[in-house]
Amino acid sequence: MLHTVVMAGGSGTRFWPQSRKAMPKQLLKLVGDHTMIQNTVARCAQRTKHQQIWIATNQTLAQETHRQLPEVPQDQILIEPAPRNTAPCIGLAAVHLLKSDPDAVMLVVSSDHIIQPDAGFINTVDQTTTLIEANPDTLALIGVSPTFPATGYGYIQCGPALATDNVHGFQVEEFKEKPDSKTAQHYCDSGNYLWNCGIFVWKARTILDALARFEPEMHQQLLQISDAIGTQQYSDVLNQIFPAMKSESIDYAVLEHAKENLAVIPAEFEWDDVGNWNTLQKYFPTDANGNTVVGLHCGLETSNNIIISADDHLVATFGIENCLIVHTPDATLMARKDDESAIKKLVNLFEERGYERFL
């Protein structure tokens, strides 16, 4: 049976001041009337019932996550005691799945990406699931056709076409790290590369076997947690063992070493990881002066800005160009729009100055 695992433990700062440690990007309504994680679960629920959806998050976010997703059984909101990247996260979900379904297939997605249309996503998942059913030892990735020479994404080089009937996909030739602009342009022009969007499909047993092969210590730790599932000792065992695991992505831990069993299926959908405030511009109209405005704004000689205001607070501007202005009830951000690193620098400064309450 297909299960969905939603990775939702991130606490990024790129959308500060709206995004906070207790309310990160996936729990915000950045685009539309629902939060990012609500949109993700609603999309996946078209393919897997809510009873087969699992959320991996942390203790700080668990209550709000459950409040936003009451349809997901509470015992399927898995708590990670410490941030340990995607390999331990996926491993933890896999051992839980196998307790209830020894033949479980995992669809692994992130909680905070924009994917459209839903129908294209479902078709791609169906194709990938068909591949896994025919080839249960395969680890499958979904890759997105690049629409511009992105330097912030990893790339998948496609190898020979798969021999499986009725599935359009490729063997994985090689993973490419985030390239420089010239290399990224080459990847786009060649037509032989896909963005690695971090969506995976595989059997829970297969990914655990791969961890046993490539990360034996992590695998043994996961087995200890697995033995405690359903017992009164589970929380103690989890809190002791999980934080001691190596912090590593599933890409480094497994995928870059398991090439003989890797496949990539081209996505039939558009994908956006919504990495910073600038990426939101495509989802909102601009005014005559090129400003993207969400909320109340009145300006003179104001152009090419992103201006976001909460509640009924009016943002008034004069002589402002190429800036980012975000107002919330307790904090306001003003920054150059073209400096994506500024927010991270500011957040680090908050900690130095004793302003942790705003994080």
Protein backbone atom coordinates (compact mmCIF):
# COMPACT_ATOMS: atom_id res chain seq x y z
CA MET A 1 0.00 0.00 0.00
CA LEU A 2 1.17 3.53 -0.77
CA HIS A 3 1.76 5.83 2.21
CA THR A 4 2.72 9.51 2.15
CA VAL A 5 5.48 10.81 4.42
CA VAL A 6 5.52 14.61 4.72
CA MET A 7 8.78 16.06 6.04
CA ALA A 8 7.73 19.10 8.07
CA GLY A 9 10.36 19.76 10.71
CA GLY A 10 12.07 22.72 9.09
CA SER A 11 12.40 26.05 10.87
CA GLY A 12 13.98 28.22 8.20
CA THR A 13 14.45 31.95 8.58
CA ARG A 14 14.22 33.15 4.99
CA PHE A 15 10.63 34.31 5.48
CA TRP A 16 11.27 36.20 8.70
CA PRO A 17 9.48 38.10 10.21
CA GLN A 18 6.40 36.06 9.23
CA SER A 19 8.28 32.79 9.69
CA ARG A 20 9.31 32.04 13.28
CA LYS A 21 10.67 28.99 15.08
CA ALA A 22 7.18 28.20 16.35
CA MET A 23 5.51 29.08 13.02
CA PRO A 24 7.86 28.31 10.10
CA LYS A 25 7.13 28.49 6.39
CA GLN A 26 5.14 25.26 6.12
CA LEU A 27 2.60 26.51 8.67
CA LEU A 28 2.03 29.87 6.94
CA LYS A 29 -0.48 31.01 4.33
CA LEU A 30 2.06 32.42 1.91
CA VAL A 31 0.00 31.80 -1.22
CA GLY A 32 -3.75 31.27 -1.21
CA ASP A 33 -6.19 30.59 1.63
CA HIS A 34 -4.45 27.56 3.12
CA THR A 35 -1.05 26.94 4.66
CA MET A 36 1.74 25.25 2.75
CA ILE A 37 1.39 22.00 4.70
CA GLN A 38 -2.40 21.98 4.31
CA ASN A 39 -1.98 22.30 0.55
CA THR A 40 0.61 19.50 0.55
CA VAL A 41 -1.58 17.09 2.51
CA ALA A 42 -4.68 17.94 0.45
CA ARG A 43 -2.73 17.18 -2.74
CA CYS A 44 -1.37 13.88 -1.45
CA ALA A 45 -4.75 12.87 -0.02
CA GLN A 46 -5.97 12.55 -3.60
CA ARG A 47 -3.69 9.52 -3.87
CA THR A 48 -3.40 8.20 -0.30
CA LYS A 49 -6.08 8.30 2.37
CA HIS A 50 -5.46 10.41 5.45
CA GLN A 51 -5.01 7.15 7.37
CA GLN A 52 -1.92 6.53 5.22
CA ILE A 53 -0.41 10.00 5.67
CA TRP A 54 2.45 10.49 8.13
CA ILE A 55 3.95 13.81 9.19
CA ALA A 56 7.53 14.05 10.47
CA THR A 57 8.06 17.19 12.54
CA ASN A 58 9.54 18.36 15.84
CA GLN A 59 8.06 18.80 19.31
CA THR A 60 7.73 22.58 18.98
CA LEU A 61 5.61 22.31 15.83
CA ALA A 62 3.63 19.16 16.62
CA GLN A 63 0.63 20.81 18.28
CA GLU A 64 0.13 23.43 15.56
CA THR A 65 0.68 20.81 12.88
CA HIS A 66 -2.05 18.64 14.40
CA ARG A 67 -4.35 21.67 14.72
CA GLN A 68 -3.93 22.45 11.03
CA LEU A 69 -4.30 18.80 9.98
CA PRO A 70 -7.03 17.31 12.20
CA GLU A 71 -7.81 14.72 9.53
CA VAL A 72 -4.39 13.07 9.98
CA PRO A 73 -4.36 10.61 12.92
CA GLN A 74 -2.42 12.16 15.78
CA ASP A 75 -0.29 9.06 16.31
CA GLN A 76 0.92 9.46 12.72
CA ILE A 77 2.54 12.79 13.53
CA LEU A 78 6.07 11.56 14.23
CA ILE A 79 8.21 13.64 16.57
CA GLU A 80 11.91 14.06 15.83
CA PRO A 81 13.63 14.91 19.14
CA ALA A 82 16.44 16.74 17.32
CA PRO A 83 17.08 17.97 13.77
CA ARG A 84 19.07 15.27 11.98
CA ASN A 85 18.43 15.96 8.28
CA THR A 86 16.47 13.74 5.91
CA ALA A 87 18.16 10.32 6.24
CA PRO A 88 17.22 9.76 9.92
CA CYS A 89 13.83 11.39 9.28
CA ILE A 90 13.01 9.01 6.41
CA GLY A 91 14.40 6.06 8.34
CA LEU A 92 12.21 6.87 11.34
CA ALA A 93 9.13 7.02 9.11
CA ALA A 94 10.09 3.74 7.42
CA VAL A 95 10.31 1.74 10.67
CA HIS A 96 6.92 3.10 11.73
CA LEU A 97 5.35 2.19 8.40
CA LEU A 98 6.66 -1.35 8.52
CA LYS A 99 5.01 -1.91 11.90
CA SER A 100 1.59 -1.38 10.34
CA ASP A 101 2.24 -2.45 6.73
CA PRO A 102 5.14 -4.82 5.96
CA ASP A 103 4.72 -4.13 2.23
CA ALA A 104 4.54 -0.33 2.58
CA VAL A 105 5.56 1.93 -0.30
CA MET A 106 6.63 5.45 0.72
CA LEU A 107 5.91 8.64 -1.16
CA VAL A 108 8.25 11.16 0.49
CA VAL A 109 7.49 14.87 0.01
CA SER A 110 8.39 18.19 1.58
CA SER A 111 5.71 20.21 3.34
CA ASP A 112 6.51 23.64 1.92
CA HIS A 113 6.69 23.45 -1.87
CA ILE A 114 4.25 24.73 -4.48
CA ILE A 115 3.21 22.07 -7.00
CA GLN A 116 0.71 22.54 -9.79
CA PRO A 117 -1.43 21.15 -11.26
CA ASP A 118 -2.47 18.50 -8.79
CA ALA A 119 -3.49 16.17 -11.61
CA GLY A 120 0.04 16.20 -13.01
CA PHE A 121 1.44 15.38 -9.58
CA ILE A 122 -0.95 12.44 -9.15
CA ASN A 123 -0.13 11.10 -12.63
CA THR A 124 3.59 11.27 -11.88
CA VAL A 125 3.16 9.51 -8.53
CA ASP A 126 1.06 6.80 -10.20
CA GLN A 127 3.77 6.21 -12.81
CA THR A 128 6.46 6.06 -10.17
CA THR A 129 4.42 3.69 -7.99
CA THR A 130 3.91 1.43 -11.00
CA LEU A 131 7.66 1.33 -11.43
CA ILE A 132 8.20 0.37 -7.77
CA GLU A 133 5.56 -2.36 -7.92
CA ALA A 134 7.30 -3.90 -10.93
CA ASN A 135 10.82 -3.33 -9.54
CA PRO A 136 10.63 -3.39 -5.72
CA ASP A 137 14.40 -2.95 -5.29
CA THR A 138 14.32 0.40 -7.10
CA LEU A 139 14.78 3.76 -5.39
CA ALA A 140 12.86 6.27 -7.49
CA LEU A 141 13.22 10.03 -7.63
CA ILE A 142 10.92 12.51 -9.30
CA GLY A 143 12.82 15.12 -11.30
CA VAL A 144 11.56 18.46 -12.60
CA SER A 145 12.45 19.81 -16.03
CA PRO A 146 14.42 23.02 -15.45
CA THR A 147 12.70 26.21 -16.56
CA PHE A 148 15.72 28.45 -15.97
CA PRO A 149 19.44 27.92 -15.17
CA ALA A 150 19.02 27.70 -11.40
CA THR A 151 22.23 27.73 -9.37
CA GLY A 152 20.49 26.95 -6.08
CA TYR A 153 19.22 23.46 -6.99
CA GLY A 154 20.88 20.10 -7.40
CA TYR A 155 20.54 18.37 -10.78
CA ILE A 156 20.03 14.76 -11.87
CA GLN A 157 21.73 13.62 -15.07
CA CYS A 158 19.51 11.17 -16.93
CA GLY A 159 20.96 7.94 -18.25
CA PRO A 160 19.36 5.28 -20.47
CA ALA A 161 15.58 5.02 -20.64
CA LEU A 162 13.94 2.50 -18.32
CA ALA A 163 12.86 -0.80 -19.81
CA THR A 164 9.67 -0.95 -17.72
CA ASP A 165 6.52 -0.84 -19.85
CA ASN A 166 4.14 2.13 -19.50
CA VAL A 167 6.61 4.13 -17.40
CA HIS A 168 8.49 7.09 -18.84
CA GLY A 169 11.70 7.36 -16.89
CA PHE A 170 15.45 6.99 -16.88
CA GLN A 171 18.28 5.42 -15.01
CA VAL A 172 20.18 7.97 -12.94
CA GLU A 173 23.55 8.68 -14.51
CA GLU A 174 24.89 11.10 -11.91
CA PHE A 175 23.96 13.69 -9.31
CA LYS A 176 25.27 17.21 -9.83
CA GLU A 177 25.68 19.66 -7.00
CA LYS A 178 24.49 23.26 -7.21
CA PRO A 179 26.30 24.54 -10.32
CA ASP A 180 27.63 27.94 -11.33
CA SER A 181 25.53 29.91 -13.80
CA LYS A 182 27.45 28.77 -16.90
CA THR A 183 27.17 25.11 -15.95
CA ALA A 184 23.50 25.49 -15.07
CA GLN A 185 22.85 26.98 -18.51
CA HIS A 186 24.60 23.99 -20.08
CA TYR A 187 22.39 21.62 -18.11
CA CYS A 188 19.27 23.42 -19.29
CA ASP A 189 20.39 23.53 -22.93
CA SER A 190 21.31 19.84 -23.03
CA GLY A 191 17.81 18.64 -22.14
CA ASN A 192 19.41 15.74 -20.24
CA TYR A 193 19.17 17.09 -16.71
CA LEU A 194 16.34 17.44 -14.21
CA TRP A 195 16.09 19.39 -10.98
CA ASN A 196 16.30 17.21 -7.90
CA CYS A 197 13.13 18.36 -6.12
CA GLY A 198 13.42 15.97 -3.18
CA ILE A 199 10.36 13.83 -3.94
CA PHE A 200 10.96 10.09 -3.64
CA VAL A 201 9.04 6.82 -3.98
CA TRP A 202 10.33 3.45 -2.69
CA LYS A 203 9.43 0.54 -0.50
CA ALA A 204 10.03 1.17 3.18
CA ARG A 205 11.93 -2.11 3.36
CA THR A 206 14.13 -1.14 0.40
CA ILE A 207 15.26 2.17 1.88
CA LEU A 208 16.02 0.50 5.22
CA ASP A 209 18.05 -2.16 3.43
CA ALA A 210 19.95 0.61 1.65
CA LEU A 211 20.65 2.33 4.97
CA ALA A 212 21.90 -1.00 6.34
CA ARG A 213 24.31 -1.20 3.42
CA PHE A 214 25.59 2.37 3.37
CA GLU A 215 24.93 3.64 6.91
CA PRO A 216 25.04 0.52 9.13
CA GLU A 217 25.30 2.45 12.40
CA MET A 218 22.23 4.54 11.56
CA HIS A 219 20.39 1.40 10.55
CA GLN A 220 21.13 -0.29 13.87
CA GLN A 221 19.92 2.79 15.72
CA LEU A 222 16.69 2.73 13.72
CA LEU A 223 16.18 -0.94 14.59
CA GLN A 224 16.47 -0.08 18.28
CA ILE A 225 13.78 2.55 17.84
CA SER A 226 11.67 0.09 15.85
CA ASP A 227 11.81 -2.47 18.68
CA ALA A 228 10.41 0.14 21.07
CA ILE A 229 7.46 1.23 18.91
CA GLY A 230 4.20 0.48 20.69
CA THR A 231 5.84 0.08 24.09
CA GLN A 232 5.95 2.38 27.09
CA GLN A 233 9.69 2.80 26.52
CA TYR A 234 9.28 4.29 23.05
CA SER A 235 9.67 7.96 24.00
CA ASP A 236 12.71 7.30 26.16
CA VAL A 237 14.38 5.19 23.49
CA LEU A 238 13.59 7.71 20.76
CA ASN A 239 14.86 10.65 22.81
CA GLN A 240 18.06 8.82 23.63
CA ILE A 241 18.90 7.35 20.23
CA PHE A 242 17.60 9.76 17.60
CA PRO A 243 19.71 12.79 18.67
CA ALA A 244 22.80 10.56 18.59
CA MET A 245 22.30 9.71 14.90
CA LYS A 246 24.52 11.18 12.23
CA SER A 247 22.95 14.28 10.69
CA GLU A 248 22.93 13.51 6.98
CA SER A 249 20.69 13.92 3.96
CA ILE A 250 19.24 10.87 2.23
CA ASP A 251 21.09 12.00 -0.91
CA TYR A 252 24.52 11.70 0.73
CA ALA A 253 23.65 8.74 2.93
CA VAL A 254 22.15 6.51 0.23
CA LEU A 255 21.28 7.88 -3.18
CA GLU A 256 24.77 8.85 -4.34
CA HIS A 257 25.97 5.32 -3.52
CA ALA A 258 23.08 3.22 -4.85
CA LYS A 259 23.24 4.11 -8.52
CA GLU A 260 22.54 0.63 -9.85
CA ASN A 261 19.09 0.75 -8.24
CA LEU A 262 18.22 4.39 -8.98
CA ALA A 263 15.61 5.69 -11.40
CA VAL A 264 14.22 9.14 -12.11
CA ILE A 265 10.72 9.92 -13.41
CA PRO A 266 10.20 13.31 -15.11
CA ALA A 267 7.52 15.36 -13.37
CA GLU A 268 4.28 16.22 -15.11
CA PHE A 269 3.93 19.30 -12.94
CA GLU A 270 5.52 22.64 -12.15
CA TRP A 271 7.48 22.86 -8.93
CA ASP A 272 8.72 25.72 -6.76
CA ASP A 273 10.47 25.36 -3.43
CA VAL A 274 9.49 28.95 -2.53
CA GLY A 275 12.93 29.63 -1.11
CA ASN A 276 12.64 33.33 -0.27
CA TRP A 277 10.42 36.38 -0.47
CA ASN A 278 11.43 37.10 -4.05
CA THR A 279 9.96 33.82 -5.27
CA LEU A 280 6.49 34.93 -4.19
CA GLN A 281 6.39 37.67 -6.83
CA LYS A 282 5.24 35.24 -9.52
CA TYR A 283 2.12 34.37 -7.51
CA PHE A 284 0.84 37.90 -6.97
CA PRO A 285 0.05 40.69 -9.45
CA THR A 286 2.24 43.77 -9.64
CA ASP A 287 1.03 47.36 -9.78
CA ALA A 288 1.88 49.86 -12.53
CA ASN A 289 5.26 50.52 -10.89
CA GLY A 290 6.28 46.90 -10.58
CA ASN A 291 5.50 46.59 -6.88
CA THR A 292 4.23 43.32 -5.44
CA VAL A 293 1.87 44.30 -2.64
CA VAL A 294 0.06 42.06 -0.15
CA GLY A 295 -1.91 44.16 2.32
CA LEU A 296 -2.42 47.93 2.56
CA HIS A 297 0.07 50.20 0.83
CA CYS A 298 0.18 53.79 -0.37
CA GLY A 299 3.30 55.07 -2.08
CA LEU A 300 4.87 57.81 -4.16
CA GLU A 301 7.91 57.31 -6.38
CA THR A 302 7.94 53.70 -5.26
CA SER A 303 8.90 50.94 -7.71
CA ASN A 304 9.96 47.30 -7.97
CA ASN A 305 9.42 46.50 -4.30
CA ILE A 306 7.87 43.64 -2.37
CA ILE A 307 5.59 45.08 0.32
CA ILE A 308 3.71 42.82 2.71
CA SER A 309 1.61 44.02 5.63
CA ALA A 310 -0.38 42.17 8.26
CA ASP A 311 -3.92 42.98 9.38
CA ASP A 312 -5.04 46.55 8.59
CA HIS A 313 -1.63 48.17 8.99
CA LEU A 314 -0.88 50.66 6.22
CA VAL A 315 2.64 50.74 4.78
CA ALA A 316 3.40 54.17 3.27
CA THR A 317 6.49 54.67 1.12
CA PHE A 318 8.22 57.51 -0.70
CA GLY A 319 11.24 57.23 -2.97
CA ILE A 320 11.75 53.49 -2.32
CA GLU A 321 13.10 51.17 -5.02
CA ASN A 322 14.06 47.48 -5.14
CA CYS A 323 13.33 46.88 -1.47
CA LEU A 324 11.61 44.26 0.64
CA ILE A 325 9.27 45.53 3.35
CA VAL A 326 7.43 43.03 5.56
CA HIS A 327 5.32 44.20 8.49
CA THR A 328 4.00 41.93 11.24
CA PRO A 329 2.42 42.90 14.59
CA ASP A 330 5.72 42.74 16.50
CA ALA A 331 8.46 43.17 13.89
CA THR A 332 9.12 44.95 10.59
CA LEU A 333 11.76 44.05 8.02
CA MET A 334 13.26 46.48 5.51
CA ALA A 335 16.01 45.14 3.25
CA ARG A 336 17.43 45.30 -0.24
CA LYS A 337 15.41 42.95 -2.40
CA ASP A 338 18.48 41.56 -4.16
CA ASP A 339 20.34 40.49 -1.00
CA GLU A 340 18.96 37.06 -0.10
CA SER A 341 21.55 36.55 2.63
CA ALA A 342 20.53 39.65 4.58
CA ILE A 343 17.78 37.97 6.57
CA LYS A 344 20.04 35.17 7.77
CA LYS A 345 22.63 37.73 8.85
CA LEU A 346 19.96 39.68 10.72
CA VAL A 347 18.70 36.57 12.50
CA ASN A 348 22.21 35.77 13.66
CA LEU A 349 22.49 39.35 14.93
CA PHE A 350 19.23 39.00 16.88
CA GLU A 351 20.72 36.14 18.85
CA GLU A 352 23.85 38.16 19.59
CA ARG A 353 21.80 41.17 20.75
CA GLY A 354 19.39 39.19 22.92
CA TYR A 355 16.33 39.47 20.65
CA GLU A 356 15.55 35.74 20.64
CA ARG A 357 11.89 36.43 21.45
CA PHE A 358 11.44 37.67 17.88
CA LEU A 359 12.76 34.46 16.33
